[in-house]
Amino acid sequence: MRLSETILLYTLVLSTTNSVLVNAFVKLVAIGHKIELKNNFRSINISYNFRIPKRLVDQTIDFEIDITRQIKDMKLVLAYYSGPKNVTNQNALLKRHVDLCFFLRNPKSDRLVNVVYSLVKDNGNMPTKCPFGPGKFYMRNLKPASLPIPLFLPEADFIFELIYRSEVRLEPLVEFRFYGRMMRIIDKLFKIDFKFNAKVFNLSYYFHQPTLVTNQSLEFQIQINQKIKDMKLLLIYHGMTRNGTVSSVLLRRQVDLCAFLRNTKSDRLVKSMYDYVNARSHIPTRCPFIPGYYYMCNLRLADVPIPGFLPETDFLLEVIYFSGVRSQPLVEFRLYASSYYMHNLRLADVPLPALLPESEFMTELAYYTGIKQEIAVSFRLYGKLVRIIENIMPIMQ
């Protein structure tokens, strides 16, 4: 006979053997800590306000710009350096030389620069063609964390450099450097994209997101404005990589809804989803779809029947309704989410150090975002450590 090592016997509500963890989406964001700005006072005066709140992803920058004399030409050198803090001694990871007058006439000529330009244009009243000024301009509430970051950039310290020059006057006009660090953060547990044809539908939705993620639910308010004689459904389920790119199509169904509603047993997979939605909805049950008000409510994502062959991974679910007669999309719905689980975690099988005392305990796990400003998940388990007899060996005479 021997006495086993201390093992865990659990108590309270957490004694269930199944647990669920829902993975969150991760994205790369720029978090700044310093700005350097130089400008040629004979041509342009710039002041800025860099706000660094406690929640770093809410950083914003304001610029007030006074162009004191007309600038007929302007060139831009955009550079991105990554690595140690003194990174300008290295080669730039990204570099662009841009003729701004040409770019403003053809903003699609450089996709990367156009990303920055779109952010500036949406948050200010900057000139949209040459020549520039004279006049007063501004950019406000520029959020570095909102800037789309190319996926190939590393999670490291960086300098983002913008240098504006006048080739006619052979002089620099503005030198701007933004110092910071690229960090990966938890963005959202779920993300929804929703589009519809306003001539045919008027749709709205609400995404309920309580503290417990398994209680999240969707509701839809639907107004059909004109009779719909035919409707097709395209359902596509994509697997996604950890960086958010679509990797493969795992499931695809195209269904004639009018034919399906006449015989719902014609597609077992679609029927399982239809039965779940129909039990919580007031929606048309046959063609044609008559103008009127309809709804779907309390659609709990955790309760939706999921085929057992689908893997536990980040996914994109596309549900597209379209008219075959009119050859036009009617509704496009996309849900980005994750489904990671841990099952049958037997707490008594967890290896424990022998030095732990036989007593009541509390185990705490806290997962932080990359910025370490917010707790993404907090988990506590309350119980008691006890000693038990593991084996009774027969006594040999």
Protein backbone atom coordinates (compact mmCIF):
# COMPACT_ATOMS: atom_id res chain seq x y z
CA MET A 1 0.00 0.00 0.00
CA ARG A 2 1.24 3.52 -0.80
CA LEU A 3 -0.06 7.03 -0.43
CA SER A 4 -0.32 8.97 -3.74
CA GLU A 5 1.05 12.38 -4.41
CA THR A 6 -1.32 15.18 -3.61
CA ILE A 7 -4.01 15.32 -6.27
CA LEU A 8 -6.77 17.78 -6.99
CA LEU A 9 -10.34 17.08 -5.95
CA TYR A 10 -12.54 19.90 -7.13
CA THR A 11 -15.59 21.47 -5.59
CA LEU A 12 -18.30 24.03 -6.33
CA VAL A 13 -19.73 24.76 -9.74
CA LEU A 14 -16.41 24.33 -11.54
CA SER A 15 -16.51 20.58 -10.96
CA THR A 16 -17.90 20.00 -14.47
CA THR A 17 -15.62 18.06 -16.83
CA ASN A 18 -16.24 20.08 -20.00
CA SER A 19 -14.97 23.61 -20.50
CA VAL A 20 -15.03 25.91 -23.52
CA LEU A 21 -12.53 28.57 -24.52
CA VAL A 22 -13.40 30.84 -27.40
CA ASN A 23 -10.33 32.18 -29.17
CA ALA A 24 -10.25 35.84 -30.09
CA PHE A 25 -9.06 37.55 -33.24
CA VAL A 26 -5.57 38.97 -33.08
CA LYS A 27 -4.40 41.95 -35.10
CA LEU A 28 -1.23 44.01 -35.39
CA VAL A 29 -1.44 47.61 -34.17
CA ALA A 30 1.00 50.51 -33.95
CA ILE A 31 1.50 51.94 -30.44
CA GLY A 32 3.52 55.15 -30.33
CA HIS A 33 5.64 56.76 -27.63
CA LYS A 34 7.34 59.73 -29.36
CA ILE A 35 6.95 62.11 -32.30
CA GLU A 36 9.61 64.24 -33.99
CA LEU A 37 8.49 67.05 -36.31
CA LYS A 38 10.51 69.63 -38.26
CA ASN A 39 9.10 72.03 -40.82
CA ASN A 40 10.31 74.86 -43.04
CA PHE A 41 8.79 77.95 -41.40
CA ARG A 42 9.09 80.00 -44.59
CA SER A 43 6.56 77.74 -46.32
CA ILE A 44 4.62 75.82 -43.71
CA ASN A 45 3.91 75.89 -39.95
CA ILE A 46 2.69 72.71 -38.23
CA SER A 47 1.69 72.04 -34.63
CA TYR A 48 0.49 68.75 -33.21
CA ASN A 49 -1.09 67.22 -30.11
CA PHE A 50 -0.23 63.58 -29.34
CA ARG A 51 -2.65 62.08 -26.79
CA ILE A 52 -1.45 58.97 -24.91
CA PRO A 53 -4.32 57.72 -22.72
CA LYS A 54 -4.09 54.81 -20.31
CA ARG A 55 -5.63 52.51 -22.92
CA LEU A 56 -2.89 52.69 -25.52
CA VAL A 57 -4.99 51.57 -28.49
CA ASP A 58 -6.97 54.83 -28.06
CA GLN A 59 -3.96 57.05 -28.87
CA THR A 60 -4.82 59.96 -31.19
CA ILE A 61 -2.89 62.71 -32.97
CA ASP A 62 -4.13 66.16 -34.08
CA PHE A 63 -2.32 68.40 -36.57
CA GLU A 64 -2.89 72.09 -37.31
CA ILE A 65 -1.25 73.16 -40.59
CA ASP A 66 -0.72 76.67 -41.93
CA ILE A 67 0.69 76.82 -45.49
CA THR A 68 1.99 80.37 -45.73
CA ARG A 69 2.86 80.42 -49.45
CA GLN A 70 1.84 78.43 -52.48
CA ILE A 71 3.67 75.14 -53.03
CA LYS A 72 3.53 74.09 -56.67
CA ASP A 73 5.22 70.71 -56.30
CA MET A 74 5.88 68.26 -53.48
CA LYS A 75 7.66 64.93 -53.26
CA LEU A 76 7.19 62.41 -50.45
CA VAL A 77 9.64 59.82 -49.15
CA LEU A 78 7.83 57.29 -46.92
CA ALA A 79 10.02 54.88 -44.94
CA TYR A 80 9.42 52.24 -42.27
CA TYR A 81 12.33 51.05 -40.11
CA SER A 82 12.00 48.05 -37.78
CA GLY A 83 14.32 46.71 -35.10
CA PRO A 84 16.18 48.21 -32.12
CA LYS A 85 15.40 51.75 -31.02
CA ASN A 86 18.23 53.27 -33.04
CA VAL A 87 16.92 51.78 -36.27
CA THR A 88 17.66 54.52 -38.82
CA ASN A 89 21.20 53.16 -39.18
CA GLN A 90 19.64 50.11 -40.82
CA ASN A 91 18.05 49.78 -44.23
CA ALA A 92 14.36 50.62 -44.36
CA LEU A 93 12.02 47.63 -44.32
CA LEU A 94 9.63 49.65 -46.50
CA LYS A 95 10.37 52.71 -48.63
CA ARG A 96 8.36 54.68 -51.17
CA HIS A 97 9.26 57.74 -53.30
CA VAL A 98 6.07 59.48 -54.37
CA ASP A 99 5.30 62.52 -56.54
CA LEU A 100 2.34 63.86 -54.55
CA CYS A 101 0.89 65.90 -57.40
CA PHE A 102 0.78 62.80 -59.60
CA PHE A 103 -0.51 60.64 -56.72
CA LEU A 104 -3.39 63.02 -55.93
CA ARG A 105 -4.48 62.76 -59.55
CA ASN A 106 -4.10 58.95 -59.43
CA PRO A 107 -4.52 57.75 -55.80
CA LYS A 108 -4.71 54.10 -56.93
CA SER A 109 -1.20 54.32 -58.35
CA ASP A 110 0.29 53.25 -54.99
CA ARG A 111 -1.86 51.02 -52.80
CA LEU A 112 0.32 51.33 -49.67
CA VAL A 113 0.46 55.15 -49.78
CA ASN A 114 -3.27 55.21 -50.53
CA VAL A 115 -3.95 53.46 -47.20
CA VAL A 116 -2.28 56.32 -45.31
CA TYR A 117 -3.87 58.93 -47.57
CA SER A 118 -7.38 57.51 -46.99
CA LEU A 119 -6.92 57.76 -43.23
CA VAL A 120 -5.72 61.37 -43.55
CA LYS A 121 -8.51 62.34 -45.96
CA ASP A 122 -11.22 60.92 -43.68
CA ASN A 123 -9.93 62.87 -40.67
CA GLY A 124 -9.10 66.28 -42.10
CA ASN A 125 -9.40 68.87 -44.84
CA MET A 126 -6.03 68.46 -46.51
CA PRO A 127 -5.46 69.68 -50.12
CA THR A 128 -6.64 67.22 -52.77
CA LYS A 129 -4.71 68.64 -55.74
CA CYS A 130 -1.72 70.77 -56.67
CA PRO A 131 -0.76 73.53 -56.04
CA PHE A 132 -0.99 73.47 -52.22
CA GLY A 133 -2.15 76.56 -50.34
CA PRO A 134 -1.78 79.08 -49.06
CA GLY A 135 -4.35 78.34 -46.35
CA LYS A 136 -5.08 76.62 -43.05
CA PHE A 137 -5.68 72.88 -42.88
CA TYR A 138 -6.04 70.21 -40.19
CA MET A 139 -6.00 66.50 -39.39
CA ARG A 140 -7.74 65.39 -36.19
CA ASN A 141 -8.26 62.21 -34.19
CA LEU A 142 -5.83 60.16 -36.24
CA LYS A 143 -5.69 56.80 -34.44
CA PRO A 144 -2.45 54.90 -35.11
CA ALA A 145 -4.16 51.69 -33.96
CA SER A 146 -6.77 52.10 -36.74
CA LEU A 147 -4.18 52.09 -39.51
CA PRO A 148 -4.29 48.81 -41.50
CA ILE A 149 -0.89 47.18 -40.97
CA PRO A 150 0.63 44.86 -43.63
CA LEU A 151 0.72 41.34 -42.19
CA PHE A 152 4.40 40.79 -42.99
CA LEU A 153 5.63 43.52 -40.61
CA PRO A 154 7.26 42.10 -37.45
CA GLU A 155 6.13 42.70 -33.88
CA ALA A 156 9.02 45.04 -32.96
CA ASP A 157 10.10 48.63 -32.32
CA PHE A 158 9.76 50.86 -35.38
CA ILE A 159 10.16 54.34 -36.83
CA PHE A 160 7.63 55.55 -39.39
CA GLU A 161 9.19 58.41 -41.38
CA LEU A 162 7.59 60.91 -43.77
CA ILE A 163 9.78 63.49 -45.52
CA TYR A 164 8.19 66.07 -47.82
CA ARG A 165 10.44 68.01 -50.22
CA SER A 166 10.13 70.64 -52.92
CA GLU A 167 12.23 69.72 -55.94
CA VAL A 168 11.82 73.21 -57.44
CA ARG A 169 13.24 74.96 -54.37
CA LEU A 170 15.61 72.08 -53.50
CA GLU A 171 14.62 72.20 -49.83
CA PRO A 172 12.90 69.95 -47.29
CA LEU A 173 9.46 71.14 -46.22
CA VAL A 174 8.43 68.70 -43.47
CA GLU A 175 10.20 65.88 -41.65
CA PHE A 176 7.95 63.67 -39.51
CA ARG A 177 9.01 60.62 -37.47
CA PHE A 178 6.70 58.47 -35.39
CA TYR A 179 8.43 56.15 -32.88
CA GLY A 180 6.61 53.17 -31.46
CA ARG A 181 6.18 49.44 -31.33
CA MET A 182 4.10 46.99 -33.31
CA MET A 183 2.05 44.80 -30.98
CA ARG A 184 -0.48 42.04 -31.40
CA ILE A 185 -3.70 42.53 -29.48
CA ILE A 186 -6.97 40.70 -29.06
CA ASP A 187 -9.42 42.53 -31.26
CA LYS A 188 -12.86 40.91 -31.15
CA LEU A 189 -14.38 37.57 -30.33
CA PHE A 190 -16.72 37.95 -33.28
CA LYS A 191 -16.90 40.29 -36.23
CA ILE A 192 -19.88 40.84 -38.54
CA ASP A 193 -20.10 42.34 -42.04
CA PHE A 194 -23.60 43.03 -43.32
CA LYS A 195 -24.85 44.41 -46.66
CA PHE A 196 -28.26 44.44 -48.33
CA ASN A 197 -30.09 45.78 -51.38
CA ALA A 198 -32.00 48.80 -50.05
CA LYS A 199 -34.50 48.73 -52.93
CA VAL A 200 -35.73 45.29 -51.87
CA PHE A 201 -34.96 45.13 -48.14
CA ASN A 202 -34.58 47.32 -45.11
CA LEU A 203 -32.59 45.30 -42.57
CA SER A 204 -31.08 46.02 -39.18
CA TYR A 205 -29.40 43.77 -36.64
CA TYR A 206 -28.23 43.88 -33.07
CA PHE A 207 -25.39 41.78 -31.69
CA HIS A 208 -25.85 41.09 -27.97
CA GLN A 209 -22.45 40.58 -26.31
CA PRO A 210 -22.84 39.79 -22.59
CA THR A 211 -19.88 38.94 -20.37
CA LEU A 212 -20.34 35.20 -20.93
CA VAL A 213 -19.42 34.66 -24.58
CA THR A 214 -21.55 31.52 -24.90
CA ASN A 215 -24.62 33.72 -24.30
CA GLN A 216 -23.92 36.01 -27.26
CA SER A 217 -26.87 36.28 -29.62
CA LEU A 218 -28.09 38.00 -32.77
CA GLU A 219 -31.43 39.53 -33.68
CA PHE A 220 -32.62 40.87 -37.03
CA GLN A 221 -35.44 43.23 -38.01
CA ILE A 222 -36.49 42.69 -41.63
CA GLN A 223 -38.71 44.77 -43.91
CA ILE A 224 -39.39 43.40 -47.40
CA ASN A 225 -40.29 46.34 -49.65
CA GLN A 226 -41.35 44.48 -52.79
CA LYS A 227 -42.51 41.00 -53.75
CA ILE A 228 -39.66 38.54 -54.26
CA LYS A 229 -40.57 35.72 -56.62
CA ASP A 230 -37.30 33.81 -56.42
CA MET A 231 -34.34 33.65 -54.06
CA LYS A 232 -31.17 31.60 -54.02
CA LEU A 233 -28.97 30.94 -50.98
CA LEU A 234 -25.19 30.53 -51.12
CA LEU A 235 -23.66 29.29 -47.87
CA ILE A 236 -19.85 29.11 -47.63
CA TYR A 237 -17.77 28.15 -44.58
CA HIS A 238 -14.07 29.11 -44.79
CA GLY A 239 -11.22 28.12 -42.55
CA MET A 240 -8.92 31.00 -41.60
CA THR A 241 -5.29 31.32 -40.63
CA ARG A 242 -4.18 32.91 -37.34
CA ASN A 243 -3.26 36.17 -39.11
CA GLY A 244 -6.84 36.56 -40.36
CA THR A 245 -6.46 35.52 -44.00
CA VAL A 246 -8.92 33.07 -45.59
CA SER A 247 -7.19 29.72 -46.15
CA SER A 248 -9.71 27.30 -47.66
CA VAL A 249 -13.39 26.52 -48.32
CA LEU A 250 -14.47 23.77 -45.91
CA LEU A 251 -18.16 23.75 -46.79
CA ARG A 252 -20.23 25.14 -49.67
CA ARG A 253 -23.95 24.90 -50.40
CA GLN A 254 -26.07 26.63 -53.04
CA VAL A 255 -29.79 26.22 -52.52
CA ASP A 256 -32.91 27.34 -54.40
CA LEU A 257 -34.90 28.60 -51.40
CA CYS A 258 -38.28 28.33 -53.11
CA ALA A 259 -37.65 24.66 -53.90
CA PHE A 260 -36.23 24.06 -50.41
CA LEU A 261 -39.26 25.60 -48.68
CA ARG A 262 -41.52 23.25 -50.66
CA ASN A 263 -39.44 20.28 -49.45
CA THR A 264 -37.28 21.10 -46.43
CA LYS A 265 -36.00 17.51 -46.25
CA SER A 266 -34.15 17.97 -49.55
CA ASP A 267 -30.98 19.20 -47.79
CA ARG A 268 -30.34 17.83 -44.30
CA LEU A 269 -27.59 20.34 -43.44
CA VAL A 270 -29.60 23.41 -44.50
CA LYS A 271 -32.68 21.95 -42.78
CA SER A 272 -30.89 21.73 -39.41
CA MET A 273 -30.02 25.44 -39.61
CA TYR A 274 -33.45 26.39 -40.99
CA ASP A 275 -35.27 24.57 -38.14
CA TYR A 276 -33.14 26.39 -35.56
CA VAL A 277 -33.77 29.82 -37.12
CA ASN A 278 -37.46 29.19 -37.90
CA ALA A 279 -38.21 28.27 -34.27
CA ARG A 280 -37.06 31.75 -33.20
CA SER A 281 -38.40 33.81 -36.07
CA HIS A 282 -41.30 35.18 -38.04
CA ILE A 283 -40.12 34.77 -41.63
CA PRO A 284 -41.74 33.75 -44.95
CA THR A 285 -42.27 30.00 -45.29
CA ARG A 286 -42.99 29.86 -49.03
CA CYS A 287 -42.51 31.78 -52.27
CA PRO A 288 -43.19 34.44 -53.31
CA PHE A 289 -41.97 36.48 -50.32
CA ILE A 290 -44.69 39.04 -49.60
CA PRO A 291 -43.82 42.63 -48.57
CA GLY A 292 -44.07 43.09 -44.82
CA TYR A 293 -42.24 43.09 -41.49
CA TYR A 294 -40.39 40.03 -40.23
CA TYR A 295 -37.85 39.23 -37.52
CA MET A 296 -35.31 36.70 -36.20
CA CYS A 297 -34.40 36.90 -32.52
CA ASN A 298 -32.34 35.19 -29.81
CA LEU A 299 -30.08 33.39 -32.27
CA ARG A 300 -27.44 32.16 -29.81
CA LEU A 301 -24.25 31.41 -31.70
CA ALA A 302 -23.25 28.72 -29.21
CA ASP A 303 -26.51 26.82 -29.92
CA VAL A 304 -26.34 26.79 -33.71
CA PRO A 305 -26.05 23.16 -34.92
CA ILE A 306 -22.54 22.65 -36.34
CA PRO A 307 -21.57 19.64 -38.46
CA GLY A 308 -19.20 17.37 -36.55
CA PHE A 309 -16.70 17.17 -39.41
CA LEU A 310 -15.79 20.87 -39.23
CA PRO A 311 -12.44 21.51 -37.48
CA GLU A 312 -11.88 23.68 -34.40
CA THR A 313 -10.41 26.78 -36.03
CA ASP A 314 -10.94 30.43 -36.87
CA PHE A 315 -13.61 30.64 -39.54
CA LEU A 316 -15.58 32.89 -41.89
CA LEU A 317 -19.24 32.04 -42.51
CA GLU A 318 -20.76 33.67 -45.60
CA VAL A 319 -24.53 33.63 -46.14
CA ILE A 320 -25.46 35.29 -49.45
CA TYR A 321 -29.00 35.63 -50.76
CA PHE A 322 -29.44 36.59 -54.40
CA SER A 323 -32.07 36.70 -57.12
CA GLY A 324 -31.46 34.47 -60.10
CA VAL A 325 -33.99 36.37 -62.21
CA ARG A 326 -32.58 39.82 -61.44
CA SER A 327 -28.97 38.60 -61.30
CA GLN A 328 -28.30 40.77 -58.26
CA PRO A 329 -27.32 40.16 -54.63
CA LEU A 330 -30.05 40.82 -52.09
CA VAL A 331 -28.32 40.21 -48.73
CA GLU A 332 -24.68 39.49 -47.85
CA PHE A 333 -23.91 38.38 -44.29
CA ARG A 334 -20.44 37.42 -43.07
CA LEU A 335 -19.53 36.23 -39.59
CA TYR A 336 -15.87 36.00 -38.54
CA ALA A 337 -15.36 33.94 -35.41
CA SER A 338 -13.32 31.28 -33.64
CA SER A 339 -14.19 27.93 -32.12
CA TYR A 340 -11.51 26.45 -29.86
CA TYR A 341 -12.48 24.03 -27.14
CA MET A 342 -10.99 21.96 -24.33
CA HIS A 343 -12.97 18.88 -23.32
CA ASN A 344 -12.83 16.40 -20.45
CA LEU A 345 -10.17 18.15 -18.40
CA ARG A 346 -9.97 15.81 -15.38
CA LEU A 347 -8.66 17.99 -12.59
CA ALA A 348 -7.61 14.94 -10.59
CA ASP A 349 -5.15 14.06 -13.38
CA VAL A 350 -3.30 17.38 -13.24
CA PRO A 351 0.29 16.78 -12.00
CA LEU A 352 0.94 18.78 -8.83
CA PRO A 353 4.16 19.52 -6.94
CA ALA A 354 4.40 17.41 -3.75
CA LEU A 355 5.33 20.50 -1.71
CA LEU A 356 1.79 21.94 -1.92
CA PRO A 357 -0.08 21.66 1.40
CA GLU A 358 -3.31 19.74 1.90
CA SER A 359 -5.66 22.74 2.18
CA GLU A 360 -8.27 24.84 0.42
CA PHE A 361 -6.94 26.84 -2.52
CA MET A 362 -7.71 29.27 -5.31
CA THR A 363 -5.99 28.96 -8.71
CA GLU A 364 -6.04 32.05 -10.90
CA LEU A 365 -5.20 32.39 -14.61
CA ALA A 366 -5.15 35.83 -16.29
CA TYR A 367 -4.48 36.30 -20.00
CA TYR A 368 -3.39 39.77 -21.14
CA THR A 369 -3.40 41.44 -24.52
CA GLY A 370 -0.03 42.11 -26.16
CA ILE A 371 -0.08 45.66 -24.83
CA LYS A 372 -0.62 44.38 -21.28
CA GLN A 373 -3.15 47.11 -20.66
CA GLU A 374 -6.27 44.92 -20.57
CA ILE A 375 -7.15 41.48 -19.23
CA ALA A 376 -8.53 39.39 -22.09
CA VAL A 377 -9.60 36.38 -19.98
CA SER A 378 -9.70 35.90 -16.21
CA PHE A 379 -10.31 32.42 -14.73
CA ARG A 380 -10.45 31.32 -11.07
CA LEU A 381 -10.89 27.82 -9.69
CA TYR A 382 -11.74 27.28 -6.01
CA GLY A 383 -11.25 23.88 -4.40
CA LYS A 384 -9.36 21.78 -1.89
CA LEU A 385 -6.23 19.62 -2.10
CA VAL A 386 -6.61 16.28 -0.33
CA ARG A 387 -4.58 13.09 -0.10
CA ILE A 388 -6.17 9.85 -1.26
CA ILE A 389 -5.18 6.21 -1.44
CA GLU A 390 -4.32 5.52 -5.08
CA ASN A 391 -3.48 1.78 -5.01
CA ILE A 392 -3.76 -1.06 -2.52
CA MET A 393 -1.13 -3.68 -3.32
CA PRO A 394 -1.76 -7.33 -2.26
CA ILE A 395 0.35 -8.50 0.67
CA MET A 396 2.49 -11.40 -0.38
CA GLN A 397 3.26 -14.09 2.25
